[in-house]
Amino acid sequence: MKRNPLIPFALIAALGIALTFLLSFQGLYKAEQLADAEKNGGTTTQTAAAKPEDIVKQTCVSCHGDQLQGNIGPNLQKVGDKLSKEDIQGVILNGRGNMPAGLLPADQASKVAEWLSQKK
């Protein structure tokens, strides 16, 4: 008895089409979440509610060190003595030296700047 060699290919194609539809519907859901995030100023409610310490751990530790002791970037342990909250926020948003601009959205930059300005 001979088997039809096209059956495995047809099953794989059907599985691929079903998977494509499934991922498309998941992508539609993610697109709605992203659209809602853009309406809320570019951040999701999860990241907007984050503590400044957590934001720093996620974004700044790679350059400024885990204790803000400086690594590639400068030491930030006593940055509040040198810069005001507004100055720190300006550096976070606009960049300076080797620091790139726009690493954080404005609301997170404000929280981090306030937290760092208290470091004296």
N, C-alpha and C. Protein backbone atom coordinates (compact mmCIF):
# COMPACT_ATOMS: atom_id res chain seq x y z
N MET A 1 0.82 -1.16 0.00
CA MET A 1 0.00 0.00 0.00
C MET A 1 0.89 1.25 0.00
N LYS A 2 0.58 2.15 -0.92
CA LYS A 2 1.35 3.39 -1.04
C LYS A 2 0.67 4.50 -0.24
N ARG A 3 1.51 5.31 0.43
CA ARG A 3 1.00 6.47 1.16
C ARG A 3 1.12 7.70 0.30
N ASN A 4 0.23 8.60 0.49
CA ASN A 4 0.26 9.85 -0.25
C ASN A 4 1.33 10.76 0.38
N PRO A 5 2.37 11.16 -0.34
CA PRO A 5 3.45 11.97 0.24
C PRO A 5 3.05 13.42 0.50
N LEU A 6 1.90 13.85 0.02
CA LEU A 6 1.48 15.24 0.21
C LEU A 6 0.76 15.47 1.54
N ILE A 7 0.31 14.41 2.20
CA ILE A 7 -0.45 14.57 3.44
C ILE A 7 0.39 15.25 4.54
N PRO A 8 1.64 14.84 4.79
CA PRO A 8 2.41 15.55 5.83
C PRO A 8 2.60 17.04 5.50
N PHE A 9 2.82 17.36 4.26
CA PHE A 9 2.99 18.76 3.86
C PHE A 9 1.69 19.54 4.06
N ALA A 10 0.56 18.93 3.75
CA ALA A 10 -0.73 19.59 3.93
C ALA A 10 -1.01 19.83 5.42
N LEU A 11 -0.66 18.86 6.26
CA LEU A 11 -0.85 19.03 7.71
C LEU A 11 0.04 20.16 8.25
N ILE A 12 1.27 20.22 7.81
CA ILE A 12 2.18 21.29 8.23
C ILE A 12 1.68 22.64 7.76
N ALA A 13 1.17 22.72 6.53
CA ALA A 13 0.64 23.97 6.01
C ALA A 13 -0.58 24.41 6.82
N ALA A 14 -1.47 23.48 7.14
CA ALA A 14 -2.67 23.82 7.93
C ALA A 14 -2.27 24.30 9.33
N LEU A 15 -1.31 23.63 9.92
CA LEU A 15 -0.82 24.05 11.23
C LEU A 15 -0.20 25.45 11.15
N GLY A 16 0.55 25.71 10.12
CA GLY A 16 1.17 27.03 9.94
C GLY A 16 0.13 28.13 9.76
N ILE A 17 -0.91 27.85 9.00
CA ILE A 17 -1.97 28.84 8.79
C ILE A 17 -2.71 29.11 10.09
N ALA A 18 -3.02 28.04 10.84
CA ALA A 18 -3.70 28.22 12.13
C ALA A 18 -2.83 29.02 13.10
N LEU A 19 -1.55 28.75 13.14
CA LEU A 19 -0.63 29.48 14.00
C LEU A 19 -0.53 30.95 13.59
N THR A 20 -0.55 31.22 12.31
CA THR A 20 -0.51 32.59 11.82
C THR A 20 -1.74 33.37 12.28
N PHE A 21 -2.92 32.76 12.18
CA PHE A 21 -4.13 33.43 12.65
C PHE A 21 -4.09 33.66 14.16
N LEU A 22 -3.63 32.68 14.90
CA LEU A 22 -3.54 32.81 16.35
C LEU A 22 -2.62 33.97 16.74
N LEU A 23 -1.45 34.04 16.12
CA LEU A 23 -0.51 35.12 16.42
C LEU A 23 -1.03 36.48 15.95
N SER A 24 -1.80 36.49 14.89
CA SER A 24 -2.38 37.75 14.42
C SER A 24 -3.36 38.30 15.43
N PHE A 25 -4.20 37.44 16.00
CA PHE A 25 -5.15 37.90 17.01
C PHE A 25 -4.43 38.38 18.26
N GLN A 26 -3.36 37.72 18.63
CA GLN A 26 -2.58 38.17 19.78
C GLN A 26 -1.94 39.52 19.47
N GLY A 27 -1.49 39.73 18.26
CA GLY A 27 -0.91 41.00 17.86
C GLY A 27 -1.93 42.12 17.88
N LEU A 28 -3.17 41.83 17.52
CA LEU A 28 -4.23 42.83 17.60
C LEU A 28 -4.44 43.28 19.04
N TYR A 29 -4.40 42.34 19.96
CA TYR A 29 -4.56 42.67 21.38
C TYR A 29 -3.41 43.55 21.85
N LYS A 30 -2.20 43.22 21.46
CA LYS A 30 -1.03 44.02 21.84
C LYS A 30 -1.10 45.41 21.22
N ALA A 31 -1.61 45.52 20.00
CA ALA A 31 -1.73 46.82 19.35
C ALA A 31 -2.70 47.71 20.13
N GLU A 32 -3.78 47.13 20.65
CA GLU A 32 -4.71 47.90 21.46
C GLU A 32 -4.04 48.38 22.74
N GLN A 33 -3.23 47.54 23.37
CA GLN A 33 -2.50 47.94 24.57
C GLN A 33 -1.53 49.07 24.27
N LEU A 34 -0.82 48.99 23.16
CA LEU A 34 0.13 50.04 22.79
C LEU A 34 -0.59 51.34 22.49
N ALA A 35 -1.74 51.27 21.84
CA ALA A 35 -2.51 52.47 21.56
C ALA A 35 -2.99 53.12 22.85
N ASP A 36 -3.43 52.31 23.81
CA ASP A 36 -3.84 52.85 25.11
C ASP A 36 -2.65 53.48 25.83
N ALA A 37 -1.48 52.86 25.71
CA ALA A 37 -0.29 53.41 26.35
C ALA A 37 0.09 54.75 25.75
N GLU A 38 -0.05 54.90 24.44
CA GLU A 38 0.26 56.18 23.81
C GLU A 38 -0.70 57.26 24.26
N LYS A 39 -1.95 56.91 24.48
CA LYS A 39 -2.92 57.88 24.98
C LYS A 39 -2.57 58.34 26.40
N ASN A 40 -1.90 57.49 27.15
CA ASN A 40 -1.53 57.81 28.53
C ASN A 40 -0.14 58.43 28.62
N GLY A 41 0.33 59.03 27.58
CA GLY A 41 1.62 59.71 27.61
C GLY A 41 2.79 58.82 27.27
N GLY A 42 2.56 57.71 26.62
CA GLY A 42 3.67 56.87 26.18
C GLY A 42 4.09 55.81 27.17
N THR A 43 3.40 55.69 28.31
CA THR A 43 3.77 54.67 29.27
C THR A 43 2.55 53.84 29.62
N THR A 44 2.78 52.60 29.98
CA THR A 44 1.69 51.79 30.48
C THR A 44 1.50 52.10 31.95
N THR A 45 0.37 51.71 32.49
CA THR A 45 0.10 52.01 33.90
C THR A 45 1.08 51.27 34.80
N GLN A 46 1.58 50.14 34.35
CA GLN A 46 2.55 49.41 35.14
C GLN A 46 3.85 50.19 35.31
N THR A 47 4.39 50.71 34.23
CA THR A 47 5.65 51.42 34.32
C THR A 47 5.47 52.80 34.93
N ALA A 48 4.30 53.40 34.79
CA ALA A 48 4.07 54.72 35.35
C ALA A 48 4.03 54.66 36.87
N ALA A 49 3.64 53.51 37.43
CA ALA A 49 3.52 53.39 38.87
C ALA A 49 4.81 52.90 39.52
N ALA A 50 5.85 52.66 38.75
CA ALA A 50 7.10 52.12 39.29
C ALA A 50 7.78 53.12 40.20
N LYS A 51 8.48 52.59 41.20
CA LYS A 51 9.24 53.44 42.12
C LYS A 51 10.51 53.90 41.42
N PRO A 52 11.02 55.07 41.81
CA PRO A 52 12.26 55.57 41.19
C PRO A 52 13.43 54.61 41.34
N GLU A 53 13.50 53.93 42.48
CA GLU A 53 14.60 52.98 42.69
C GLU A 53 14.55 51.86 41.66
N ASP A 54 13.32 51.40 41.36
CA ASP A 54 13.17 50.32 40.37
C ASP A 54 13.51 50.80 38.97
N ILE A 55 13.11 52.03 38.66
CA ILE A 55 13.42 52.60 37.34
C ILE A 55 14.93 52.70 37.18
N VAL A 56 15.61 53.17 38.22
CA VAL A 56 17.07 53.30 38.17
C VAL A 56 17.72 51.93 38.01
N LYS A 57 17.22 50.92 38.72
CA LYS A 57 17.78 49.58 38.61
C LYS A 57 17.63 49.03 37.20
N GLN A 58 16.50 49.34 36.55
CA GLN A 58 16.27 48.84 35.20
C GLN A 58 17.10 49.59 34.16
N THR A 59 17.24 50.89 34.32
CA THR A 59 17.76 51.72 33.24
C THR A 59 19.18 52.22 33.46
N CYS A 60 19.54 52.56 34.68
CA CYS A 60 20.76 53.33 34.93
C CYS A 60 21.94 52.51 35.45
N VAL A 61 21.67 51.35 36.01
CA VAL A 61 22.71 50.57 36.69
C VAL A 61 23.84 50.16 35.75
N SER A 62 23.54 49.89 34.50
CA SER A 62 24.57 49.41 33.59
C SER A 62 25.68 50.44 33.38
N CYS A 63 25.35 51.72 33.45
CA CYS A 63 26.37 52.76 33.26
C CYS A 63 26.83 53.41 34.57
N HIS A 64 25.90 53.54 35.54
CA HIS A 64 26.23 54.26 36.76
C HIS A 64 26.53 53.33 37.94
N GLY A 65 26.45 52.03 37.75
CA GLY A 65 26.79 51.07 38.79
C GLY A 65 25.60 50.75 39.69
N ASP A 66 25.67 49.59 40.36
CA ASP A 66 24.56 49.15 41.19
C ASP A 66 24.37 49.99 42.45
N GLN A 67 25.39 50.67 42.89
CA GLN A 67 25.30 51.58 44.03
C GLN A 67 25.42 53.03 43.58
N LEU A 68 25.26 53.27 42.29
CA LEU A 68 25.42 54.59 41.67
C LEU A 68 26.82 55.14 41.88
N GLN A 69 27.79 54.25 42.06
CA GLN A 69 29.16 54.63 42.32
C GLN A 69 29.90 55.08 41.07
N GLY A 70 29.28 54.92 39.94
CA GLY A 70 29.94 55.28 38.69
C GLY A 70 30.58 54.07 38.06
N ASN A 71 30.51 54.00 36.78
CA ASN A 71 31.12 52.91 36.03
C ASN A 71 31.55 53.53 34.71
N ILE A 72 30.74 53.41 33.70
CA ILE A 72 30.97 54.14 32.45
C ILE A 72 30.53 55.58 32.65
N GLY A 73 29.37 55.72 33.31
CA GLY A 73 28.83 57.05 33.63
C GLY A 73 29.38 57.54 34.96
N PRO A 74 29.13 58.80 35.31
CA PRO A 74 29.68 59.36 36.54
C PRO A 74 29.00 58.82 37.80
N ASN A 75 29.65 59.06 38.93
CA ASN A 75 29.13 58.73 40.24
C ASN A 75 27.91 59.61 40.52
N LEU A 76 26.81 58.99 40.95
CA LEU A 76 25.59 59.74 41.24
C LEU A 76 25.21 59.69 42.72
N GLN A 77 26.10 59.20 43.57
CA GLN A 77 25.76 59.04 44.98
C GLN A 77 25.49 60.37 45.67
N LYS A 78 26.11 61.44 45.24
CA LYS A 78 25.89 62.76 45.84
C LYS A 78 25.58 63.80 44.77
N VAL A 79 24.83 63.39 43.76
CA VAL A 79 24.52 64.28 42.65
C VAL A 79 23.62 65.42 43.09
N GLY A 80 22.83 65.24 44.16
CA GLY A 80 21.94 66.29 44.66
C GLY A 80 22.69 67.50 45.18
N ASP A 81 23.97 67.33 45.57
CA ASP A 81 24.80 68.46 46.00
C ASP A 81 25.17 69.35 44.82
N LYS A 82 25.31 68.75 43.65
CA LYS A 82 25.82 69.48 42.48
C LYS A 82 24.71 70.02 41.59
N LEU A 83 23.63 69.24 41.43
CA LEU A 83 22.58 69.61 40.48
C LEU A 83 21.22 69.65 41.16
N SER A 84 20.37 70.55 40.69
CA SER A 84 19.00 70.62 41.20
C SER A 84 18.15 69.55 40.51
N LYS A 85 16.93 69.39 41.00
CA LYS A 85 16.00 68.43 40.40
C LYS A 85 15.78 68.74 38.93
N GLU A 86 15.60 70.01 38.60
CA GLU A 86 15.35 70.42 37.21
C GLU A 86 16.55 70.12 36.32
N ASP A 87 17.76 70.37 36.86
CA ASP A 87 18.98 70.09 36.10
C ASP A 87 19.12 68.59 35.82
N ILE A 88 18.86 67.79 36.86
CA ILE A 88 18.96 66.33 36.70
C ILE A 88 17.94 65.85 35.69
N GLN A 89 16.72 66.38 35.78
CA GLN A 89 15.68 65.98 34.83
C GLN A 89 16.07 66.37 33.40
N GLY A 90 16.68 67.54 33.25
CA GLY A 90 17.14 67.97 31.93
C GLY A 90 18.20 67.05 31.36
N VAL A 91 19.11 66.58 32.21
CA VAL A 91 20.15 65.65 31.75
C VAL A 91 19.51 64.32 31.34
N ILE A 92 18.55 63.84 32.14
CA ILE A 92 17.89 62.57 31.82
C ILE A 92 17.15 62.67 30.49
N LEU A 93 16.43 63.76 30.29
CA LEU A 93 15.61 63.89 29.08
C LEU A 93 16.43 64.26 27.84
N ASN A 94 17.43 65.14 28.01
CA ASN A 94 18.16 65.67 26.85
C ASN A 94 19.54 65.05 26.66
N GLY A 95 20.02 64.32 27.64
CA GLY A 95 21.35 63.74 27.56
C GLY A 95 22.43 64.77 27.81
N ARG A 96 23.64 64.28 28.04
CA ARG A 96 24.79 65.15 28.25
C ARG A 96 26.04 64.28 28.20
N GLY A 97 27.05 64.75 27.50
CA GLY A 97 28.27 63.97 27.37
C GLY A 97 27.99 62.65 26.68
N ASN A 98 28.35 61.55 27.33
CA ASN A 98 28.12 60.22 26.75
C ASN A 98 26.71 59.70 27.00
N MET A 99 25.94 60.39 27.83
CA MET A 99 24.59 59.92 28.14
C MET A 99 23.64 60.28 27.01
N PRO A 100 22.96 59.28 26.46
CA PRO A 100 22.02 59.57 25.37
C PRO A 100 20.73 60.18 25.90
N ALA A 101 20.07 60.91 25.07
CA ALA A 101 18.79 61.54 25.42
C ALA A 101 17.66 60.53 25.31
N GLY A 102 16.59 60.78 26.07
CA GLY A 102 15.37 60.01 25.91
C GLY A 102 15.39 58.60 26.44
N LEU A 103 16.21 58.30 27.45
CA LEU A 103 16.20 56.95 28.00
C LEU A 103 14.94 56.67 28.81
N LEU A 104 14.34 57.74 29.34
CA LEU A 104 13.12 57.60 30.14
C LEU A 104 12.07 58.56 29.64
N PRO A 105 10.79 58.19 29.74
CA PRO A 105 9.73 59.16 29.44
C PRO A 105 9.70 60.25 30.51
N ALA A 106 9.04 61.35 30.23
CA ALA A 106 9.07 62.54 31.10
C ALA A 106 8.58 62.25 32.51
N ASP A 107 7.52 61.46 32.67
CA ASP A 107 7.01 61.21 34.02
C ASP A 107 7.99 60.40 34.86
N GLN A 108 8.63 59.42 34.26
CA GLN A 108 9.64 58.63 34.97
C GLN A 108 10.88 59.47 35.23
N ALA A 109 11.26 60.31 34.28
CA ALA A 109 12.43 61.18 34.46
C ALA A 109 12.21 62.11 35.63
N SER A 110 11.01 62.61 35.80
CA SER A 110 10.69 63.50 36.91
C SER A 110 10.84 62.78 38.25
N LYS A 111 10.31 61.55 38.33
CA LYS A 111 10.43 60.77 39.56
C LYS A 111 11.89 60.47 39.90
N VAL A 112 12.64 60.05 38.90
CA VAL A 112 14.05 59.71 39.13
C VAL A 112 14.84 60.96 39.50
N ALA A 113 14.56 62.08 38.84
CA ALA A 113 15.27 63.32 39.14
C ALA A 113 15.00 63.77 40.57
N GLU A 114 13.76 63.65 41.01
CA GLU A 114 13.44 64.03 42.39
C GLU A 114 14.17 63.12 43.37
N TRP A 115 14.19 61.82 43.10
CA TRP A 115 14.88 60.87 43.96
C TRP A 115 16.38 61.14 43.99
N LEU A 116 16.97 61.39 42.82
CA LEU A 116 18.42 61.63 42.78
C LEU A 116 18.78 62.98 43.41
N SER A 117 17.90 63.97 43.32
CA SER A 117 18.20 65.28 43.92
C SER A 117 18.28 65.21 45.43
N GLN A 118 17.71 64.18 46.03
CA GLN A 118 17.79 64.00 47.47
C GLN A 118 19.07 63.31 47.89
N LYS A 119 19.83 62.83 46.95
CA LYS A 119 21.11 62.16 47.26
C LYS A 119 22.17 63.22 47.48
N LYS A 120 22.50 63.45 48.74
CA LYS A 120 23.50 64.47 49.09
C LYS A 120 24.54 63.92 50.02
